[in-house]
Protein backbone atom coordinates (compact mmCIF):
# COMPACT_ATOMS: atom_id res chain seq x y z
CA MET A 1 -57.65 44.02 -101.39
CA VAL A 2 -55.63 45.48 -104.21
CA PRO A 3 -52.92 47.88 -103.12
CA ALA A 4 -53.33 51.48 -104.13
CA GLU A 5 -51.30 52.68 -107.08
CA ILE A 6 -48.07 54.42 -106.20
CA ARG A 7 -47.61 57.69 -108.05
CA ARG A 8 -45.60 60.85 -107.97
CA ARG A 9 -46.92 64.07 -106.45
CA GLY A 10 -49.46 65.72 -108.78
CA ASP A 11 -50.12 62.65 -110.98
CA ARG A 12 -53.60 61.26 -111.40
CA PRO A 13 -54.37 57.58 -111.88
CA SER A 14 -53.97 56.84 -115.59
CA ARG A 15 -56.33 53.85 -115.58
CA PRO A 16 -59.38 52.88 -113.52
CA ARG A 17 -59.13 50.41 -110.64
CA ALA A 18 -61.04 47.66 -112.54
CA HIS A 19 -58.43 47.69 -115.29
CA LEU A 20 -55.65 47.28 -112.76
CA GLN A 21 -57.41 44.33 -111.12
CA ALA A 22 -57.87 42.60 -114.44
CA ARG A 23 -54.24 43.11 -115.34
CA HIS A 24 -53.16 41.67 -112.00
CA ALA A 25 -55.30 38.54 -112.45
CA ASP A 26 -53.93 38.02 -115.96
CA ARG A 27 -50.35 38.26 -114.73
CA ALA A 28 -51.06 35.74 -111.94
CA ARG A 29 -52.49 33.22 -114.41
CA ARG A 30 -49.50 33.52 -116.70
CA ARG A 31 -47.03 33.12 -113.83
CA CYS A 32 -48.73 29.98 -112.47
CA ALA A 33 -48.74 28.51 -115.97
CA ARG A 34 -44.97 28.94 -116.21
CA ILE A 35 -44.39 26.86 -113.08
CA GLY A 36 -46.83 24.15 -114.14
CA GLY A 37 -49.73 24.70 -111.78
CA ALA A 38 -53.15 26.26 -111.44
CA ALA A 39 -53.70 29.91 -110.77
CA ARG A 40 -54.07 29.47 -107.03
CA ARG A 41 -53.25 26.04 -105.59
CA ALA A 42 -52.76 25.29 -101.93
CA GLY A 43 -49.45 26.46 -100.58
CA GLN A 44 -48.76 28.93 -103.44
CA HIS A 45 -48.88 32.69 -103.12
CA ALA A 46 -48.42 35.47 -105.64
CA PRO A 47 -45.93 38.23 -104.88
CA PRO A 48 -47.44 41.47 -103.60
CA TYR A 49 -48.95 43.52 -106.36
CA ALA A 50 -47.14 46.70 -105.43
CA LEU A 51 -43.78 45.12 -106.35
CA TYR A 52 -44.88 44.54 -109.96
CA ARG A 53 -46.46 47.96 -110.28
CA ILE A 54 -43.28 49.69 -109.20
CA SER A 55 -41.17 47.92 -111.82
CA ASP A 56 -43.73 48.04 -114.67
CA ARG A 57 -45.60 51.28 -114.31
CA HIS A 58 -43.08 53.60 -112.71
CA PRO A 59 -39.48 52.35 -113.10
CA GLU A 60 -38.15 55.75 -112.11
CA LEU A 61 -39.65 55.26 -108.64
CA ALA A 62 -37.66 52.06 -108.03
CA ARG A 63 -34.73 54.19 -106.98
CA ARG A 64 -36.89 55.71 -104.25
CA ARG A 65 -38.70 52.67 -102.86
CA PRO A 66 -40.18 52.71 -99.38
CA HIS A 67 -37.77 51.52 -96.73
CA HIS A 68 -39.42 48.10 -96.29
CA LEU A 69 -39.00 47.30 -99.99
CA ARG A 70 -35.42 48.46 -100.48
CA ARG A 71 -32.48 46.08 -100.93
CA PRO A 72 -30.48 46.01 -97.68
CA ARG A 73 -26.96 47.39 -97.64
CA GLY A 74 -23.98 45.07 -97.32
CA ARG A 75 -24.58 41.31 -97.32
CA GLY A 76 -28.35 41.41 -97.32
CA GLY A 77 -30.31 39.54 -99.96
CA ALA A 78 -32.51 40.99 -102.71
CA VAL A 79 -35.92 42.43 -101.99
CA VAL A 80 -37.57 39.26 -103.20
CA CYS A 81 -35.63 37.27 -100.59
CA ARG A 82 -37.42 39.15 -97.83
CA LEU A 83 -40.89 38.19 -99.04
CA SER A 84 -42.89 35.23 -97.80
CA GLY A 85 -44.12 32.18 -99.63
CA ARG A 86 -42.93 31.13 -103.08
CA GLY A 87 -41.89 34.67 -103.90
CA ALA A 88 -39.33 34.59 -101.05
CA VAL A 89 -37.54 31.42 -102.13
CA GLY A 90 -37.93 31.70 -105.89
CA ARG A 91 -34.51 33.34 -106.32
CA GLU A 92 -32.69 30.99 -103.93
CA ARG A 93 -33.67 27.50 -105.14
CA PRO A 94 -34.39 26.12 -108.62
CA ARG A 95 -38.08 26.05 -109.31
CA GLN A 96 -38.13 22.29 -109.86
CA ASP A 97 -37.18 21.91 -106.19
CA LEU A 98 -40.31 23.66 -104.94
CA VAL A 99 -43.01 21.41 -103.53
CA CYS A 100 -46.57 22.41 -102.76
CA ALA A 101 -48.38 21.46 -99.59
CA GLY A 102 -49.46 17.82 -99.59
CA GLU A 103 -46.99 16.72 -102.33
CA VAL A 104 -44.07 14.30 -102.01
CA PRO A 105 -40.81 15.41 -103.65
CA PRO A 106 -39.42 13.03 -106.29
CA LEU A 107 -35.85 13.84 -105.19
CA VAL A 108 -34.18 15.11 -102.03
CA PRO A 109 -34.08 18.90 -102.35
CA SER A 110 -30.70 20.57 -102.64
CA ALA A 111 -29.37 22.29 -99.55
CA ALA A 112 -30.20 25.95 -99.07
CA ARG A 113 -27.26 28.31 -99.16
CA ARG A 114 -26.10 29.25 -95.62
CA ASP A 115 -23.37 31.81 -95.25
CA GLY A 116 -20.66 30.79 -92.78
CA ALA A 117 -21.81 27.18 -92.31
CA ARG A 118 -19.13 25.03 -90.64
CA HIS A 119 -19.93 21.83 -92.54
CA ALA A 120 -21.50 21.53 -95.99
CA ALA A 121 -24.61 19.40 -96.37
CA GLY A 122 -23.66 15.74 -96.60
CA ALA A 123 -20.14 16.34 -95.27
CA GLU A 124 -18.66 13.85 -92.81
CA LEU A 125 -19.61 14.66 -89.22
CA PRO A 126 -16.79 15.49 -86.78
CA GLY A 127 -15.35 12.70 -84.66
CA SER A 128 -15.29 12.26 -80.87
CA GLY A 129 -13.17 15.37 -80.37
CA LEU A 130 -10.45 13.53 -78.37
CA LEU A 131 -6.92 14.66 -79.11
CA LYS A 132 -4.46 12.48 -80.95
CA PRO A 133 -1.21 11.54 -79.12
CA ALA A 134 0.92 14.37 -80.53
CA ALA A 135 -1.79 16.96 -79.91
CA ALA A 136 -2.40 15.52 -76.42
CA ALA A 137 1.30 15.92 -75.58
CA ALA A 138 1.22 19.54 -76.79
CA HIS A 139 -1.90 20.23 -74.72
CA LEU A 140 -0.23 18.59 -71.73
CA ARG A 141 2.80 20.88 -71.89
CA ARG A 142 0.69 23.97 -72.40
CA ARG A 143 -1.60 23.15 -69.48
CA ALA A 144 1.35 22.20 -67.26
CA ALA A 145 2.89 25.62 -67.82
CA GLU A 146 -0.43 27.28 -66.97
CA LEU A 147 -0.54 25.34 -63.68
CA GLY A 148 2.92 26.54 -62.67
CA PHE A 149 5.13 23.61 -63.68
CA ASP A 150 8.50 24.69 -65.02
CA SER A 151 9.29 21.53 -66.94
CA CYS A 152 7.18 18.78 -68.49
CA ARG A 153 8.58 15.77 -70.31
CA ILE A 154 7.37 12.27 -71.19
CA ALA A 155 9.05 8.90 -70.67
CA ALA A 156 8.11 5.40 -71.71
CA PRO A 157 7.17 3.19 -68.72
CA GLN A 158 9.87 0.65 -69.38
CA SER A 159 11.88 -1.06 -66.71
CA SER A 160 15.57 -0.23 -66.44
CA PRO A 161 17.81 -3.23 -65.69
CA GLU A 162 20.60 -0.85 -64.69
CA GLN A 163 18.42 0.96 -62.14
CA ALA A 164 17.07 -2.34 -60.81
CA GLU A 165 20.64 -3.56 -60.27
CA ARG A 166 21.64 -0.32 -58.52
CA LEU A 167 18.66 -0.56 -56.22
CA ALA A 168 19.42 -4.17 -55.34
CA THR A 169 23.04 -3.28 -54.53
CA PHE A 170 21.93 -0.30 -52.45
CA LEU A 171 19.54 -2.40 -50.38
CA ALA A 172 21.95 -5.31 -49.99
CA ALA A 173 24.54 -2.95 -48.49
CA GLY A 174 21.96 -1.74 -45.97
CA ARG A 175 22.40 1.87 -47.04
CA HIS A 176 18.70 2.57 -46.67
CA GLY A 177 19.22 2.61 -42.90
CA THR A 178 15.93 2.88 -41.04
CA MET A 179 14.00 3.70 -44.24
CA ASP A 180 12.40 0.28 -44.30
CA TRP A 181 9.86 1.35 -46.91
CA LEU A 182 12.65 1.42 -49.52
CA ALA A 183 13.11 -2.33 -49.14
CA GLU A 184 9.41 -3.07 -49.60
CA GLU A 185 8.55 -4.53 -53.03
CA PRO A 186 11.68 -3.39 -54.89
CA GLU A 187 10.36 -4.91 -58.14
CA ARG A 188 7.50 -2.40 -58.15
CA ARG A 189 9.95 0.42 -57.53
CA ALA A 190 12.17 -0.59 -60.46
CA ASP A 191 9.36 -0.98 -63.05
CA PRO A 192 6.40 1.43 -63.38
CA ARG A 193 4.35 -1.30 -65.07
CA ALA A 194 4.70 -3.48 -61.97
CA LEU A 195 3.16 -0.64 -59.97
CA TRP A 196 0.33 -0.09 -62.50
CA PRO A 197 0.10 -2.56 -65.41
CA GLU A 198 -2.17 -0.25 -67.47
CA VAL A 199 0.36 2.61 -67.65
CA ARG A 200 1.48 3.51 -71.18
CA ALA A 201 3.34 6.77 -70.56
CA VAL A 202 4.92 8.53 -67.59
CA VAL A 203 4.74 12.31 -67.55
CA MET A 204 7.46 13.84 -65.36
CA LEU A 205 6.93 17.36 -64.06
CA GLY A 206 9.42 19.71 -62.46
CA VAL A 207 8.88 22.77 -60.28
CA ASN A 208 11.76 25.16 -59.75
CA TYR A 209 12.35 26.05 -56.09
CA GLY A 210 15.64 27.86 -56.47
CA PRO A 211 16.44 30.10 -53.46
CA ALA A 212 16.32 33.86 -53.82
CA ALA A 213 19.34 34.21 -51.48
CA ASP A 214 22.55 32.29 -50.87
CA ALA A 215 21.65 28.83 -49.55
CA TRP A 216 24.88 28.77 -47.50
CA ALA A 217 24.48 32.19 -45.88
CA ALA A 218 23.10 30.96 -42.53
CA LEU A 219 25.93 28.46 -42.07
CA ALA A 220 28.15 31.35 -40.97
CA ARG A 221 25.76 32.24 -38.12
CA PRO A 222 26.20 29.55 -35.41
CA GLU A 223 23.48 31.10 -33.21
CA CYS A 224 20.95 30.35 -35.97
CA GLY A 225 19.70 27.14 -37.47
CA VAL A 226 19.83 26.19 -41.16
CA VAL A 227 16.68 24.73 -42.70
CA SER A 228 16.92 23.11 -46.11
CA VAL A 229 15.66 25.38 -48.89
CA TYR A 230 12.82 23.02 -49.81
CA ALA A 231 11.34 23.14 -46.28
CA ARG A 232 11.24 26.88 -45.70
CA ASN A 233 7.55 27.25 -46.49
CA ARG A 234 4.63 25.03 -47.46
CA ASP A 235 4.98 21.29 -47.91
CA TYR A 236 5.75 20.80 -51.59
CA HIS A 237 3.92 17.46 -51.60
CA ASP A 238 0.62 19.26 -51.03
CA VAL A 239 1.36 22.06 -53.49
CA ILE A 240 2.41 19.81 -56.37
CA LYS A 241 -0.02 16.94 -55.90
CA GLY A 242 -3.07 19.17 -56.24
CA ARG A 243 -1.75 20.58 -59.49
CA LEU A 244 -0.88 17.13 -60.80
CA LYS A 245 -4.49 16.08 -60.29
CA MET A 246 -5.72 19.15 -62.17
CA LEU A 247 -3.32 18.37 -65.01
CA GLY A 248 -4.47 14.76 -65.18
CA GLN A 249 -8.12 15.79 -65.24
CA SER A 250 -7.44 18.20 -68.09
CA LEU A 251 -5.60 15.52 -70.06
CA ALA A 252 -8.37 12.96 -69.53
CA ALA A 253 -11.05 15.46 -70.60
CA ARG A 254 -9.23 16.33 -73.83
CA ALA A 255 -7.63 13.02 -74.76
CA GLY A 256 -9.34 10.33 -72.65
CA GLY A 257 -7.63 7.60 -70.65
CA SER A 258 -7.02 7.21 -66.93
CA PHE A 259 -4.23 8.58 -64.78
CA LYS A 260 -2.51 8.34 -61.39
CA VAL A 261 -0.30 10.97 -59.73
CA PHE A 262 2.66 10.51 -57.39
CA VAL A 263 4.77 12.98 -55.41
CA ASP A 264 7.28 10.99 -53.41
CA THR A 265 4.37 9.00 -51.96
CA ALA A 266 4.65 5.64 -53.73
CA PRO A 267 7.36 3.21 -54.86
CA VAL A 268 8.28 5.37 -57.86
CA MET A 269 11.90 6.15 -58.77
CA GLU A 270 11.30 9.75 -59.76
CA LYS A 271 14.90 10.76 -60.47
CA PRO A 272 15.70 7.96 -62.96
CA LEU A 273 12.34 8.51 -64.67
CA ALA A 274 12.97 12.25 -64.87
CA ALA A 275 16.37 11.59 -66.42
CA ARG A 276 14.83 9.20 -68.94
CA ALA A 277 12.21 11.81 -69.82
CA GLY A 278 14.86 14.46 -70.40
CA LEU A 279 14.25 16.82 -67.48
CA GLY A 280 17.93 16.49 -66.63
CA TRP A 281 20.44 13.90 -65.58
CA GLN A 282 21.41 12.30 -62.29
CA GLY A 283 24.56 14.01 -61.09
CA LYS A 284 27.35 12.55 -59.03
CA HIS A 285 25.38 13.51 -55.91
CA THR A 286 22.59 11.22 -57.25
CA ASN A 287 20.17 14.15 -57.47
CA LEU A 288 18.69 15.46 -60.71
CA VAL A 289 20.61 18.26 -62.43
CA SER A 290 18.88 20.46 -65.00
CA ARG A 291 20.57 22.65 -67.60
CA ASP A 292 17.94 25.32 -66.89
CA PHE A 293 17.34 25.02 -63.14
CA GLY A 294 20.48 23.47 -61.73
CA SER A 295 19.80 21.17 -58.79
CA TRP A 296 16.65 22.97 -57.61
CA LEU A 297 13.75 20.95 -58.99
CA PHE A 298 10.85 19.30 -57.23
CA LEU A 299 9.62 16.25 -59.14
CA GLY A 300 6.16 14.84 -59.65
CA ALA A 301 4.94 11.94 -61.80
CA LEU A 302 1.71 11.46 -63.74
CA PHE A 303 1.03 7.93 -64.99
CA THR A 304 -1.46 7.67 -67.85
CA THR A 305 -3.00 4.92 -69.97
CA LEU A 306 -2.60 7.09 -73.08
CA GLU A 307 0.07 6.30 -75.63
CA LEU A 308 2.04 9.55 -75.63
CA PRO A 309 5.23 10.11 -77.66
CA PRO A 310 8.27 9.93 -75.32
CA ASP A 311 10.96 12.61 -75.22
CA ALA A 312 14.66 12.00 -75.60
CA PRO A 313 16.71 11.55 -72.40
CA GLU A 314 19.30 14.12 -71.32
CA SER A 315 22.97 13.16 -71.40
CA ASP A 316 25.32 13.48 -68.43
CA HIS A 317 27.15 16.82 -68.28
CA CYS A 318 29.07 16.41 -64.99
CA GLY A 319 32.39 15.68 -66.64
CA ARG A 320 35.26 15.57 -64.16
CA CYS A 321 33.60 17.95 -61.67
CA ARG A 322 33.63 16.86 -58.01
CA ALA A 323 32.15 19.98 -56.40
CA CYS A 324 29.14 18.20 -54.92
CA LEU A 325 31.21 15.30 -53.58
CA ASP A 326 33.74 17.55 -51.90
CA ALA A 327 31.07 19.80 -50.36
CA CYS A 328 29.45 17.07 -48.25
CA PRO A 329 30.17 17.77 -44.56
CA THR A 330 29.83 14.13 -43.51
CA ASP A 331 31.42 12.30 -46.49
CA ALA A 332 28.18 10.61 -47.53
CA PHE A 333 29.40 9.76 -51.07
CA PRO A 334 31.53 6.60 -51.11
CA ALA A 335 31.96 7.06 -54.88
CA PRO A 336 30.55 9.27 -57.64
CA TYR A 337 26.89 8.50 -58.36
CA GLN A 338 26.61 6.64 -55.05
CA ILE A 339 25.29 7.81 -51.69
CA ASP A 340 25.21 6.29 -48.24
CA PRO A 341 22.17 7.93 -46.60
CA ARG A 342 23.31 6.72 -43.18
CA ARG A 343 25.98 9.45 -43.32
CA CYS A 344 23.87 12.09 -45.07
CA VAL A 345 22.76 15.09 -42.98
CA SER A 346 19.34 15.07 -44.63
CA TYR A 347 18.77 11.47 -43.61
CA LEU A 348 20.17 12.00 -40.10
CA THR A 349 18.04 15.08 -39.34
CA ILE A 350 14.81 13.98 -41.06
CA GLU A 351 14.47 10.23 -41.52
CA HIS A 352 16.54 8.87 -38.64
CA LYS A 353 14.38 8.42 -35.57
CA GLY A 354 16.89 7.65 -32.83
CA PRO A 355 20.06 9.24 -31.48
CA ILE A 356 22.42 10.45 -34.18
CA ASP A 357 25.81 8.76 -34.46
CA ARG A 358 28.20 10.67 -32.24
CA ALA A 359 30.92 10.53 -34.90
CA LEU A 360 28.71 12.50 -37.32
CA ARG A 361 27.33 15.16 -35.00
CA ARG A 362 30.12 17.68 -35.43
CA GLY A 363 29.75 17.52 -39.20
CA ILE A 364 26.10 18.47 -38.92
CA GLY A 365 27.08 21.95 -37.75
CA ASN A 366 23.99 24.15 -37.36
CA ARG A 367 21.90 22.28 -39.95
CA ILE A 368 18.67 21.50 -38.13
CA TYR A 369 16.52 20.15 -40.97
CA GLY A 370 18.07 18.73 -44.11
CA CYS A 371 21.15 19.85 -46.00
CA ASP A 372 21.71 21.63 -49.33
CA ASP A 373 25.50 21.60 -49.53
CA CYS A 374 25.86 19.19 -52.43
CA LEU A 375 23.02 20.90 -54.30
CA ALA A 376 24.32 24.41 -53.74
CA ALA A 377 27.84 23.44 -54.84
CA CYS A 378 26.75 22.37 -58.34
CA PRO A 379 28.16 24.71 -61.02
CA TRP A 380 25.01 24.31 -63.11
CA ASN A 381 23.21 26.46 -60.55
CA LYS A 382 24.65 29.51 -62.29
CA PHE A 383 21.85 29.10 -64.84
CA ALA A 384 19.17 28.70 -62.17
CA GLU A 385 16.68 31.38 -61.21
CA ALA A 386 14.70 31.91 -58.04
CA GLY A 387 11.51 29.88 -57.90
CA ARG A 388 8.34 31.75 -58.86
CA GLU A 389 5.94 29.80 -56.63
CA THR A 390 5.13 31.99 -53.64
CA LYS A 391 3.95 29.03 -51.56
CA LEU A 392 7.47 27.64 -51.72
CA ALA A 393 9.35 30.89 -51.14
CA ALA A 394 11.23 31.10 -47.85
CA ARG A 395 9.35 32.36 -44.82
CA ASP A 396 11.17 35.08 -42.92
CA ASP A 397 11.13 33.10 -39.69
CA LEU A 398 12.72 30.07 -41.37
CA ALA A 399 15.49 31.78 -43.33
CA ALA A 400 17.76 31.81 -40.24
CA PRO A 401 15.73 30.93 -37.12
CA ALA A 402 17.27 31.53 -33.69
CA LEU A 403 18.32 28.29 -32.00
CA ALA A 404 17.40 29.65 -28.57
CA ASP A 405 13.76 30.04 -29.59
CA LEU A 406 13.54 26.64 -31.25
CA ALA A 407 15.05 24.80 -28.27
CA GLU A 408 12.22 26.03 -26.03
CA LEU A 409 9.38 24.70 -28.20
CA ASP A 410 6.96 22.29 -26.60
CA ASP A 411 4.73 20.06 -28.70
CA ALA A 412 1.86 22.54 -29.05
CA ALA A 413 4.15 25.42 -29.98
CA PHE A 414 6.01 23.22 -32.46
CA ARG A 415 2.79 22.21 -34.21
CA ALA A 416 1.56 25.78 -34.37
CA ARG A 417 4.82 27.15 -35.74
CA PHE A 418 5.25 24.50 -38.42
CA SER A 419 1.66 23.97 -39.46
CA GLY A 420 1.61 23.18 -43.19
CA SER A 421 5.40 22.78 -43.24
CA PRO A 422 7.23 19.53 -44.04
CA ILE A 423 9.11 20.03 -40.77
CA LYS A 424 5.99 19.11 -38.85
CA ARG A 425 6.26 15.56 -40.16
CA ILE A 426 9.27 14.64 -37.99
CA GLY A 427 7.64 15.78 -34.76
CA ARG A 428 8.84 18.00 -31.96
CA ASP A 429 11.27 15.57 -30.30
CA ARG A 430 13.35 14.83 -33.39
CA PHE A 431 13.41 18.49 -34.33
CA VAL A 432 14.57 19.66 -30.88
CA ARG A 433 17.20 16.87 -30.95
CA ASN A 434 18.59 18.51 -34.10
CA VAL A 435 18.46 21.97 -32.53
CA LEU A 436 20.41 20.80 -29.48
CA ILE A 437 23.14 19.26 -31.65
CA ALA A 438 23.42 22.60 -33.47
CA ILE A 439 23.69 24.33 -30.08
CA GLY A 440 26.44 21.91 -29.09
CA ASN A 441 28.33 22.88 -32.26
CA SER A 442 27.84 26.61 -31.73
CA GLY A 443 30.62 27.05 -29.16
CA ASP A 444 28.42 29.57 -27.35
CA ALA A 445 28.21 29.09 -23.56
CA GLY A 446 25.23 31.40 -23.51
CA PHE A 447 23.07 28.41 -24.37
CA LEU A 448 23.88 26.63 -21.06
CA PRO A 449 20.68 27.72 -19.23
CA ILE A 450 18.60 26.33 -22.08
CA LEU A 451 20.52 23.04 -21.97
CA ALA A 452 19.96 22.79 -18.23
CA ARG A 453 16.21 22.91 -18.82
CA ARG A 454 16.34 20.30 -21.59
CA LEU A 455 18.19 17.85 -19.32
CA GLY A 456 14.85 17.25 -17.62
CA ASP A 457 12.79 17.06 -20.84
CA GLY A 458 10.09 14.41 -21.09
CA SER A 459 11.68 12.93 -24.24
CA ALA A 460 14.72 10.69 -23.82
CA LEU A 461 15.78 11.65 -27.36
CA VAL A 462 15.90 15.30 -26.33
CA ARG A 463 17.64 14.60 -23.03
CA GLY A 464 20.39 12.61 -24.73
CA ALA A 465 21.10 15.42 -27.23
CA ALA A 466 21.13 17.95 -24.38
CA VAL A 467 23.74 15.89 -22.50
CA TRP A 468 26.01 15.83 -25.56
CA ALA A 469 25.62 19.58 -26.12
CA LEU A 470 26.32 20.24 -22.43
CA ALA A 471 29.52 18.22 -22.66
CA ARG A 472 30.59 20.40 -25.60
CA LEU A 473 29.87 23.79 -23.97
CA ALA A 474 30.27 23.35 -20.19
CA THR A 475 33.47 23.20 -18.23
CA PRO A 476 34.51 19.76 -16.96
CA ASP A 477 33.52 20.64 -13.43
CA ALA A 478 30.13 21.92 -14.50
CA PHE A 479 29.49 18.81 -16.55
CA ASP A 480 30.48 16.49 -13.70
CA ALA A 481 28.16 18.32 -11.35
CA ALA A 482 25.26 17.99 -13.76
CA ARG A 483 25.99 14.30 -14.26
CA ALA A 484 25.94 13.74 -10.51
CA ARG A 485 22.50 15.32 -10.31
CA HIS A 486 20.86 13.53 -13.25
CA LEU A 487 22.55 10.21 -13.95
CA ALA A 488 21.19 8.34 -10.93
CA ALA A 489 17.60 9.19 -11.85
CA GLU A 490 17.97 8.48 -15.57
CA ASN A 491 16.31 5.24 -16.66
CA ASP A 492 16.92 5.40 -20.45
CA ALA A 493 19.95 3.40 -21.60
CA ASN A 494 20.88 5.78 -24.43
CA VAL A 495 20.81 8.82 -22.16
CA ARG A 496 22.89 7.06 -19.54
CA ASP A 497 25.44 6.26 -22.26
CA GLU A 498 25.52 9.94 -23.20
CA TRP A 499 26.35 10.87 -19.60
CA ARG A 500 29.13 8.31 -19.44
CA LEU A 501 30.62 9.22 -22.83
CA GLY A 502 30.12 12.96 -22.51
CA ALA A 503 33.58 13.54 -21.07
CA ASP A 504 35.16 12.10 -24.24
CA ASP A 505 34.01 15.17 -26.19
CA ILE A 506 35.37 17.76 -23.73
């Protein structure tokens, strides 16, 4: 059907309908002739008649077109672009590109214009999307910060002849004590590539665990025990290892490669690697010192097969300072940058399984798990801030726990109290041994009833420590009376020695 003529109000049709139909047919023939085709071939359509009538018969009405024929505001195309068929694309592509139904184009048509297209037609397709080494390192640092790491640096996985020589000297002198695992496969410990041949970069991570209060405060309270700052809440191994795995997964997803993570759980020399990566330097107390966090950094390692650009190492800034060496209560540093763990309070209260050397017990004081003296003495701690990880913040009951309560713990109570804590690892007997030595150093005779009960403890390790503490706090007569009651029934050689030597400490 032919659309009705559009006219203004009051106008009458100027020409009959037959004349309008003839004019329309004539225009269609002329238009098809211009594009080189018949009047009505398959796949071709003439524009709606009303569009021509508006522009030819009544140009003054073009300013007041019906809504569906108006040009859209803004970025919209012309009216013709909204029509179907050839009339819709005639303004957008050259006419020689148009192909009727059933025809084969002689050339590939040009691409239609698309606003905002990401890639032009024929442009090179994007690659795999994996990050290059520099971008991967930047992503690694950004993601590490999001996961709560305070420092992230990269080291090459090269062996260090100097560190290998130090380790060999350390082991040959027997300074590892009962830590037999240190002597296992030292070549793997000295060279990351011996541990994992595919490693191409070592990412060293640091987590600040700086204390919110004075680390030495509880030392002045002999009725309380002192727990090392790192052990006053959750086990840092569990906290950091989970985040290391998340970091490695993120790196592998964005840059590819494989990874392995270590948190003091494999033959990895974390401190030398951290120094090589630039997290800090190994101080005279052999621990890592950071310009930003002092001596309060947990370390974790992420080995990757990616070739990542290494960072520059940090230089030594200890100078002539001896604060850490002089602070040690048991003289565990035979020389700067050397330590004899067999004299270290941390080793004696955590790693050592048997009775503690009698000559070192007084120096332990009221330290019942680890020691922070050399760390706390470092002047670089003035730049440190309290750790922001709540899982590592000190629990109220471990800031200065009462020795009397701890000495009464049985195995079940010990496990319940220290669930999720690194203290749980040493077991109840070793922990109560430490508590009893602290009681012996307290000088408080009020602990004597507790010691009397521990003399009959089921653990020989606990009984021996109780005998020593009793010798320190009881009068000579009281000690002799207790020895007369217990020595004959004692079948453990170490405990019997404690009874015999107890008088030497009175």
